[in-house]
Amino acid sequence: MSAAAEAKRWYWQRISAMVLALCVVAHIAIMIYAVRGGLSAAEILGRTRGSVPFAVFYSVFVLACAVHVPIGVARIAEEWLRFDRVLALALARLFGITIAFLGLRAVVAVVAGA
């Protein structure tokens, strides 16, 4: 693998980590607000149904995970499990696609009520 490709992976993992850090802090703040406000699960779902800001925020959260996690998984597969680099990257990409698909599906289900 070229040094440029490794540098790009490093860059994308760091950028996605920054986005994830912001998303985690916002998510925790939202959860604290909801719990302290005494909202039930039904009330929370009622507030998220049809909410574009909710959909955008959690879609960004999911996509940041789908970028960040596979890069780390590929490195773990290579270094700890001794997978071939090509196999590790292929499995990590498949894992990232799965995270994106399932996460975005959950966001749509919560926002659309499906």
N, C-alpha and C. Protein backbone atom coordinates (compact mmCIF):
# COMPACT_ATOMS: atom_id res chain seq x y z
N MET A 1 0.85 -1.18 0.00
CA MET A 1 0.00 0.00 0.00
C MET A 1 0.89 1.24 0.00
N SER A 2 0.50 2.20 -0.76
CA SER A 2 1.32 3.40 -0.89
C SER A 2 1.22 4.28 0.35
N ALA A 3 2.23 5.08 0.53
CA ALA A 3 2.24 6.01 1.66
C ALA A 3 1.11 7.03 1.52
N ALA A 4 0.77 7.39 0.31
CA ALA A 4 -0.33 8.35 0.09
C ALA A 4 -1.66 7.76 0.52
N ALA A 5 -1.88 6.48 0.21
CA ALA A 5 -3.13 5.82 0.62
C ALA A 5 -3.21 5.72 2.14
N GLU A 6 -2.10 5.40 2.78
CA GLU A 6 -2.07 5.33 4.25
C GLU A 6 -2.33 6.70 4.86
N ALA A 7 -1.76 7.74 4.26
CA ALA A 7 -1.96 9.10 4.76
C ALA A 7 -3.43 9.51 4.63
N LYS A 8 -4.07 9.12 3.53
CA LYS A 8 -5.49 9.43 3.35
C LYS A 8 -6.34 8.72 4.40
N ARG A 9 -6.03 7.46 4.68
CA ARG A 9 -6.76 6.73 5.73
C ARG A 9 -6.59 7.41 7.09
N TRP A 10 -5.35 7.81 7.38
CA TRP A 10 -5.08 8.48 8.65
C TRP A 10 -5.88 9.78 8.73
N TYR A 11 -5.88 10.53 7.65
CA TYR A 11 -6.60 11.80 7.59
C TYR A 11 -8.10 11.58 7.82
N TRP A 12 -8.69 10.63 7.09
CA TRP A 12 -10.12 10.38 7.22
C TRP A 12 -10.49 9.86 8.60
N GLN A 13 -9.63 9.07 9.20
CA GLN A 13 -9.95 8.60 10.54
C GLN A 13 -9.91 9.75 11.54
N ARG A 14 -8.96 10.65 11.41
CA ARG A 14 -8.87 11.78 12.34
C ARG A 14 -10.02 12.75 12.17
N ILE A 15 -10.38 13.05 10.92
CA ILE A 15 -11.50 13.95 10.66
C ILE A 15 -12.80 13.33 11.18
N SER A 16 -13.02 12.04 10.90
CA SER A 16 -14.24 11.39 11.37
C SER A 16 -14.26 11.31 12.90
N ALA A 17 -13.10 11.19 13.53
CA ALA A 17 -13.04 11.18 15.00
C ALA A 17 -13.48 12.53 15.56
N MET A 18 -13.09 13.60 14.90
CA MET A 18 -13.51 14.94 15.36
C MET A 18 -15.03 15.10 15.24
N VAL A 19 -15.58 14.63 14.13
CA VAL A 19 -17.04 14.70 13.94
C VAL A 19 -17.73 13.83 14.98
N LEU A 20 -17.21 12.64 15.20
CA LEU A 20 -17.80 11.74 16.20
C LEU A 20 -17.76 12.33 17.60
N ALA A 21 -16.66 12.98 17.94
CA ALA A 21 -16.57 13.59 19.27
C ALA A 21 -17.67 14.62 19.48
N LEU A 22 -17.89 15.46 18.48
CA LEU A 22 -18.96 16.46 18.56
C LEU A 22 -20.33 15.79 18.64
N CYS A 23 -20.52 14.77 17.83
CA CYS A 23 -21.80 14.06 17.82
C CYS A 23 -22.07 13.36 19.14
N VAL A 24 -21.07 12.75 19.72
CA VAL A 24 -21.25 12.07 21.01
C VAL A 24 -21.62 13.06 22.10
N VAL A 25 -20.93 14.19 22.14
CA VAL A 25 -21.25 15.21 23.15
C VAL A 25 -22.69 15.71 22.96
N ALA A 26 -23.07 16.00 21.73
CA ALA A 26 -24.44 16.46 21.46
C ALA A 26 -25.46 15.38 21.81
N HIS A 27 -25.17 14.14 21.45
CA HIS A 27 -26.08 13.03 21.75
C HIS A 27 -26.28 12.87 23.26
N ILE A 28 -25.20 12.92 24.01
CA ILE A 28 -25.30 12.80 25.47
C ILE A 28 -26.11 13.97 26.04
N ALA A 29 -25.87 15.16 25.54
CA ALA A 29 -26.62 16.33 26.01
C ALA A 29 -28.11 16.17 25.72
N ILE A 30 -28.43 15.67 24.53
CA ILE A 30 -29.83 15.43 24.17
C ILE A 30 -30.45 14.38 25.09
N MET A 31 -29.71 13.32 25.37
CA MET A 31 -30.24 12.26 26.25
C MET A 31 -30.46 12.78 27.67
N ILE A 32 -29.53 13.57 28.17
CA ILE A 32 -29.69 14.14 29.52
C ILE A 32 -30.92 15.05 29.55
N TYR A 33 -31.08 15.87 28.53
CA TYR A 33 -32.24 16.75 28.44
C TYR A 33 -33.53 15.93 28.45
N ALA A 34 -33.56 14.87 27.65
CA ALA A 34 -34.77 14.05 27.55
C ALA A 34 -35.09 13.35 28.86
N VAL A 35 -34.08 12.79 29.51
CA VAL A 35 -34.29 12.06 30.75
C VAL A 35 -34.69 13.00 31.88
N ARG A 36 -33.98 14.11 31.98
CA ARG A 36 -34.31 15.09 33.05
C ARG A 36 -35.67 15.73 32.82
N GLY A 37 -36.07 15.80 31.57
CA GLY A 37 -37.38 16.36 31.26
C GLY A 37 -38.50 15.36 31.49
N GLY A 38 -38.13 14.12 31.81
CA GLY A 38 -39.13 13.10 32.09
C GLY A 38 -39.84 12.57 30.85
N LEU A 39 -39.22 12.72 29.70
CA LEU A 39 -39.85 12.26 28.48
C LEU A 39 -39.84 10.73 28.40
N SER A 40 -40.95 10.16 27.95
CA SER A 40 -41.02 8.72 27.73
C SER A 40 -40.48 8.42 26.34
N ALA A 41 -40.29 7.14 26.07
CA ALA A 41 -39.82 6.74 24.74
C ALA A 41 -40.83 7.17 23.68
N ALA A 42 -42.11 7.04 23.97
CA ALA A 42 -43.15 7.43 23.01
C ALA A 42 -43.10 8.93 22.76
N GLU A 43 -42.86 9.72 23.79
CA GLU A 43 -42.77 11.18 23.61
C GLU A 43 -41.54 11.55 22.79
N ILE A 44 -40.43 10.87 23.04
CA ILE A 44 -39.20 11.14 22.28
C ILE A 44 -39.44 10.81 20.81
N LEU A 45 -40.03 9.66 20.53
CA LEU A 45 -40.32 9.28 19.14
C LEU A 45 -41.30 10.26 18.50
N GLY A 46 -42.24 10.76 19.28
CA GLY A 46 -43.17 11.75 18.77
C GLY A 46 -42.47 13.03 18.35
N ARG A 47 -41.46 13.41 19.11
CA ARG A 47 -40.71 14.63 18.78
C ARG A 47 -39.76 14.44 17.59
N THR A 48 -39.29 13.23 17.39
CA THR A 48 -38.35 12.98 16.29
C THR A 48 -39.05 12.70 14.97
N ARG A 49 -40.29 12.28 15.04
CA ARG A 49 -41.02 11.95 13.82
C ARG A 49 -41.13 13.18 12.92
N GLY A 50 -40.63 13.06 11.71
CA GLY A 50 -40.69 14.15 10.74
C GLY A 50 -39.67 15.27 10.97
N SER A 51 -38.74 15.08 11.90
CA SER A 51 -37.77 16.12 12.23
C SER A 51 -36.56 16.07 11.30
N VAL A 52 -36.46 17.08 10.45
CA VAL A 52 -35.31 17.16 9.53
C VAL A 52 -34.00 17.35 10.30
N PRO A 53 -33.95 18.26 11.30
CA PRO A 53 -32.69 18.40 12.05
C PRO A 53 -32.24 17.09 12.71
N PHE A 54 -33.18 16.35 13.27
CA PHE A 54 -32.84 15.05 13.86
C PHE A 54 -32.26 14.13 12.79
N ALA A 55 -32.92 14.06 11.65
CA ALA A 55 -32.46 13.18 10.57
C ALA A 55 -31.06 13.57 10.09
N VAL A 56 -30.82 14.85 9.93
CA VAL A 56 -29.51 15.32 9.47
C VAL A 56 -28.43 15.01 10.51
N PHE A 57 -28.70 15.36 11.77
CA PHE A 57 -27.71 15.13 12.83
C PHE A 57 -27.34 13.66 12.93
N TYR A 58 -28.34 12.78 13.04
CA TYR A 58 -28.03 11.37 13.23
C TYR A 58 -27.51 10.71 11.95
N SER A 59 -27.84 11.25 10.79
CA SER A 59 -27.24 10.74 9.55
C SER A 59 -25.75 11.06 9.51
N VAL A 60 -25.39 12.27 9.93
CA VAL A 60 -23.97 12.65 10.01
C VAL A 60 -23.26 11.74 11.01
N PHE A 61 -23.91 11.48 12.15
CA PHE A 61 -23.35 10.61 13.18
C PHE A 61 -23.08 9.21 12.59
N VAL A 62 -24.07 8.65 11.91
CA VAL A 62 -23.94 7.32 11.32
C VAL A 62 -22.84 7.30 10.26
N LEU A 63 -22.81 8.29 9.39
CA LEU A 63 -21.81 8.30 8.33
C LEU A 63 -20.39 8.48 8.89
N ALA A 64 -20.25 9.27 9.95
CA ALA A 64 -18.94 9.40 10.59
C ALA A 64 -18.49 8.06 11.16
N CYS A 65 -19.42 7.31 11.75
CA CYS A 65 -19.10 5.97 12.25
C CYS A 65 -18.70 5.05 11.09
N ALA A 66 -19.45 5.15 9.99
CA ALA A 66 -19.18 4.28 8.84
C ALA A 66 -17.83 4.58 8.19
N VAL A 67 -17.30 5.77 8.39
CA VAL A 67 -15.96 6.10 7.89
C VAL A 67 -14.90 5.69 8.92
N HIS A 68 -15.13 6.02 10.17
CA HIS A 68 -14.13 5.86 11.22
C HIS A 68 -13.87 4.39 11.60
N VAL A 69 -14.91 3.67 11.85
CA VAL A 69 -14.77 2.31 12.38
C VAL A 69 -14.03 1.36 11.44
N PRO A 70 -14.38 1.31 10.15
CA PRO A 70 -13.69 0.35 9.27
C PRO A 70 -12.19 0.56 9.16
N ILE A 71 -11.74 1.80 9.27
CA ILE A 71 -10.30 2.06 9.19
C ILE A 71 -9.60 1.39 10.37
N GLY A 72 -10.17 1.55 11.56
CA GLY A 72 -9.60 0.90 12.74
C GLY A 72 -9.72 -0.62 12.69
N VAL A 73 -10.85 -1.10 12.20
CA VAL A 73 -11.07 -2.55 12.09
C VAL A 73 -10.05 -3.17 11.14
N ALA A 74 -9.77 -2.49 10.03
CA ALA A 74 -8.78 -3.01 9.07
C ALA A 74 -7.41 -3.12 9.72
N ARG A 75 -7.03 -2.10 10.49
CA ARG A 75 -5.72 -2.13 11.17
C ARG A 75 -5.67 -3.26 12.20
N ILE A 76 -6.75 -3.43 12.95
CA ILE A 76 -6.79 -4.52 13.93
C ILE A 76 -6.69 -5.87 13.23
N ALA A 77 -7.42 -6.03 12.13
CA ALA A 77 -7.38 -7.28 11.38
C ALA A 77 -5.97 -7.56 10.84
N GLU A 78 -5.29 -6.53 10.41
CA GLU A 78 -3.93 -6.70 9.89
C GLU A 78 -2.93 -6.99 11.01
N GLU A 79 -2.96 -6.15 12.05
CA GLU A 79 -1.91 -6.22 13.08
C GLU A 79 -2.14 -7.33 14.11
N TRP A 80 -3.36 -7.51 14.55
CA TRP A 80 -3.62 -8.49 15.60
C TRP A 80 -4.00 -9.86 15.06
N LEU A 81 -4.82 -9.86 14.01
CA LEU A 81 -5.31 -11.13 13.47
C LEU A 81 -4.46 -11.64 12.31
N ARG A 82 -3.50 -10.82 11.88
CA ARG A 82 -2.56 -11.17 10.80
C ARG A 82 -3.26 -11.46 9.47
N PHE A 83 -4.37 -10.72 9.21
CA PHE A 83 -5.05 -10.84 7.92
C PHE A 83 -4.20 -10.19 6.85
N ASP A 84 -4.31 -10.69 5.64
CA ASP A 84 -3.70 -10.05 4.49
C ASP A 84 -4.32 -8.66 4.34
N ARG A 85 -3.53 -7.68 3.95
CA ARG A 85 -4.00 -6.29 3.85
C ARG A 85 -5.22 -6.16 2.94
N VAL A 86 -5.20 -6.82 1.80
CA VAL A 86 -6.31 -6.73 0.85
C VAL A 86 -7.59 -7.30 1.47
N LEU A 87 -7.47 -8.44 2.15
CA LEU A 87 -8.62 -9.05 2.81
C LEU A 87 -9.13 -8.17 3.95
N ALA A 88 -8.22 -7.64 4.73
CA ALA A 88 -8.60 -6.77 5.86
C ALA A 88 -9.35 -5.54 5.36
N LEU A 89 -8.85 -4.91 4.30
CA LEU A 89 -9.52 -3.73 3.75
C LEU A 89 -10.88 -4.07 3.16
N ALA A 90 -10.97 -5.21 2.48
CA ALA A 90 -12.25 -5.63 1.89
C ALA A 90 -13.29 -5.89 2.98
N LEU A 91 -12.90 -6.61 4.02
CA LEU A 91 -13.83 -6.89 5.11
C LEU A 91 -14.21 -5.61 5.85
N ALA A 92 -13.25 -4.71 6.03
CA ALA A 92 -13.53 -3.44 6.71
C ALA A 92 -14.49 -2.60 5.88
N ARG A 93 -14.31 -2.57 4.58
CA ARG A 93 -15.24 -1.81 3.72
C ARG A 93 -16.64 -2.39 3.79
N LEU A 94 -16.74 -3.70 3.77
CA LEU A 94 -18.04 -4.36 3.90
C LEU A 94 -18.68 -4.00 5.24
N PHE A 95 -17.88 -3.98 6.29
CA PHE A 95 -18.36 -3.61 7.62
C PHE A 95 -18.85 -2.16 7.62
N GLY A 96 -18.11 -1.26 6.97
CA GLY A 96 -18.51 0.14 6.88
C GLY A 96 -19.82 0.32 6.13
N ILE A 97 -19.97 -0.41 5.04
CA ILE A 97 -21.22 -0.36 4.27
C ILE A 97 -22.39 -0.85 5.12
N THR A 98 -22.14 -1.91 5.89
CA THR A 98 -23.18 -2.45 6.77
C THR A 98 -23.57 -1.43 7.84
N ILE A 99 -22.58 -0.79 8.45
CA ILE A 99 -22.86 0.24 9.46
C ILE A 99 -23.70 1.36 8.84
N ALA A 100 -23.30 1.83 7.67
CA ALA A 100 -24.03 2.92 7.01
C ALA A 100 -25.46 2.50 6.68
N PHE A 101 -25.62 1.32 6.11
CA PHE A 101 -26.96 0.85 5.72
C PHE A 101 -27.87 0.70 6.93
N LEU A 102 -27.41 -0.02 7.94
CA LEU A 102 -28.25 -0.25 9.11
C LEU A 102 -28.51 1.03 9.90
N GLY A 103 -27.49 1.87 10.03
CA GLY A 103 -27.65 3.12 10.76
C GLY A 103 -28.61 4.08 10.08
N LEU A 104 -28.46 4.23 8.77
CA LEU A 104 -29.36 5.13 8.04
C LEU A 104 -30.78 4.57 7.99
N ARG A 105 -30.87 3.26 7.95
CA ARG A 105 -32.19 2.62 8.01
C ARG A 105 -32.87 2.93 9.35
N ALA A 106 -32.12 2.90 10.42
CA ALA A 106 -32.67 3.23 11.74
C ALA A 106 -33.09 4.69 11.79
N VAL A 107 -32.29 5.59 11.24
CA VAL A 107 -32.65 7.01 11.22
C VAL A 107 -33.96 7.21 10.46
N VAL A 108 -34.08 6.59 9.31
CA VAL A 108 -35.32 6.71 8.52
C VAL A 108 -36.50 6.14 9.30
N ALA A 109 -36.32 5.02 9.96
CA ALA A 109 -37.40 4.41 10.72
C ALA A 109 -37.88 5.32 11.85
N VAL A 110 -36.95 5.96 12.53
CA VAL A 110 -37.32 6.85 13.64
C VAL A 110 -37.98 8.12 13.11
N VAL A 111 -37.45 8.69 12.06
CA VAL A 111 -37.97 9.95 11.54
C VAL A 111 -39.30 9.73 10.79
N ALA A 112 -39.36 8.66 10.00
CA ALA A 112 -40.56 8.42 9.19
C ALA A 112 -41.60 7.59 9.93
N GLY A 113 -41.19 6.97 11.02
CA GLY A 113 -42.13 6.13 11.76
C GLY A 113 -42.39 4.81 11.09
N ALA A 114 -41.46 4.37 10.28
CA ALA A 114 -41.64 3.11 9.54
C ALA A 114 -41.32 1.90 10.39
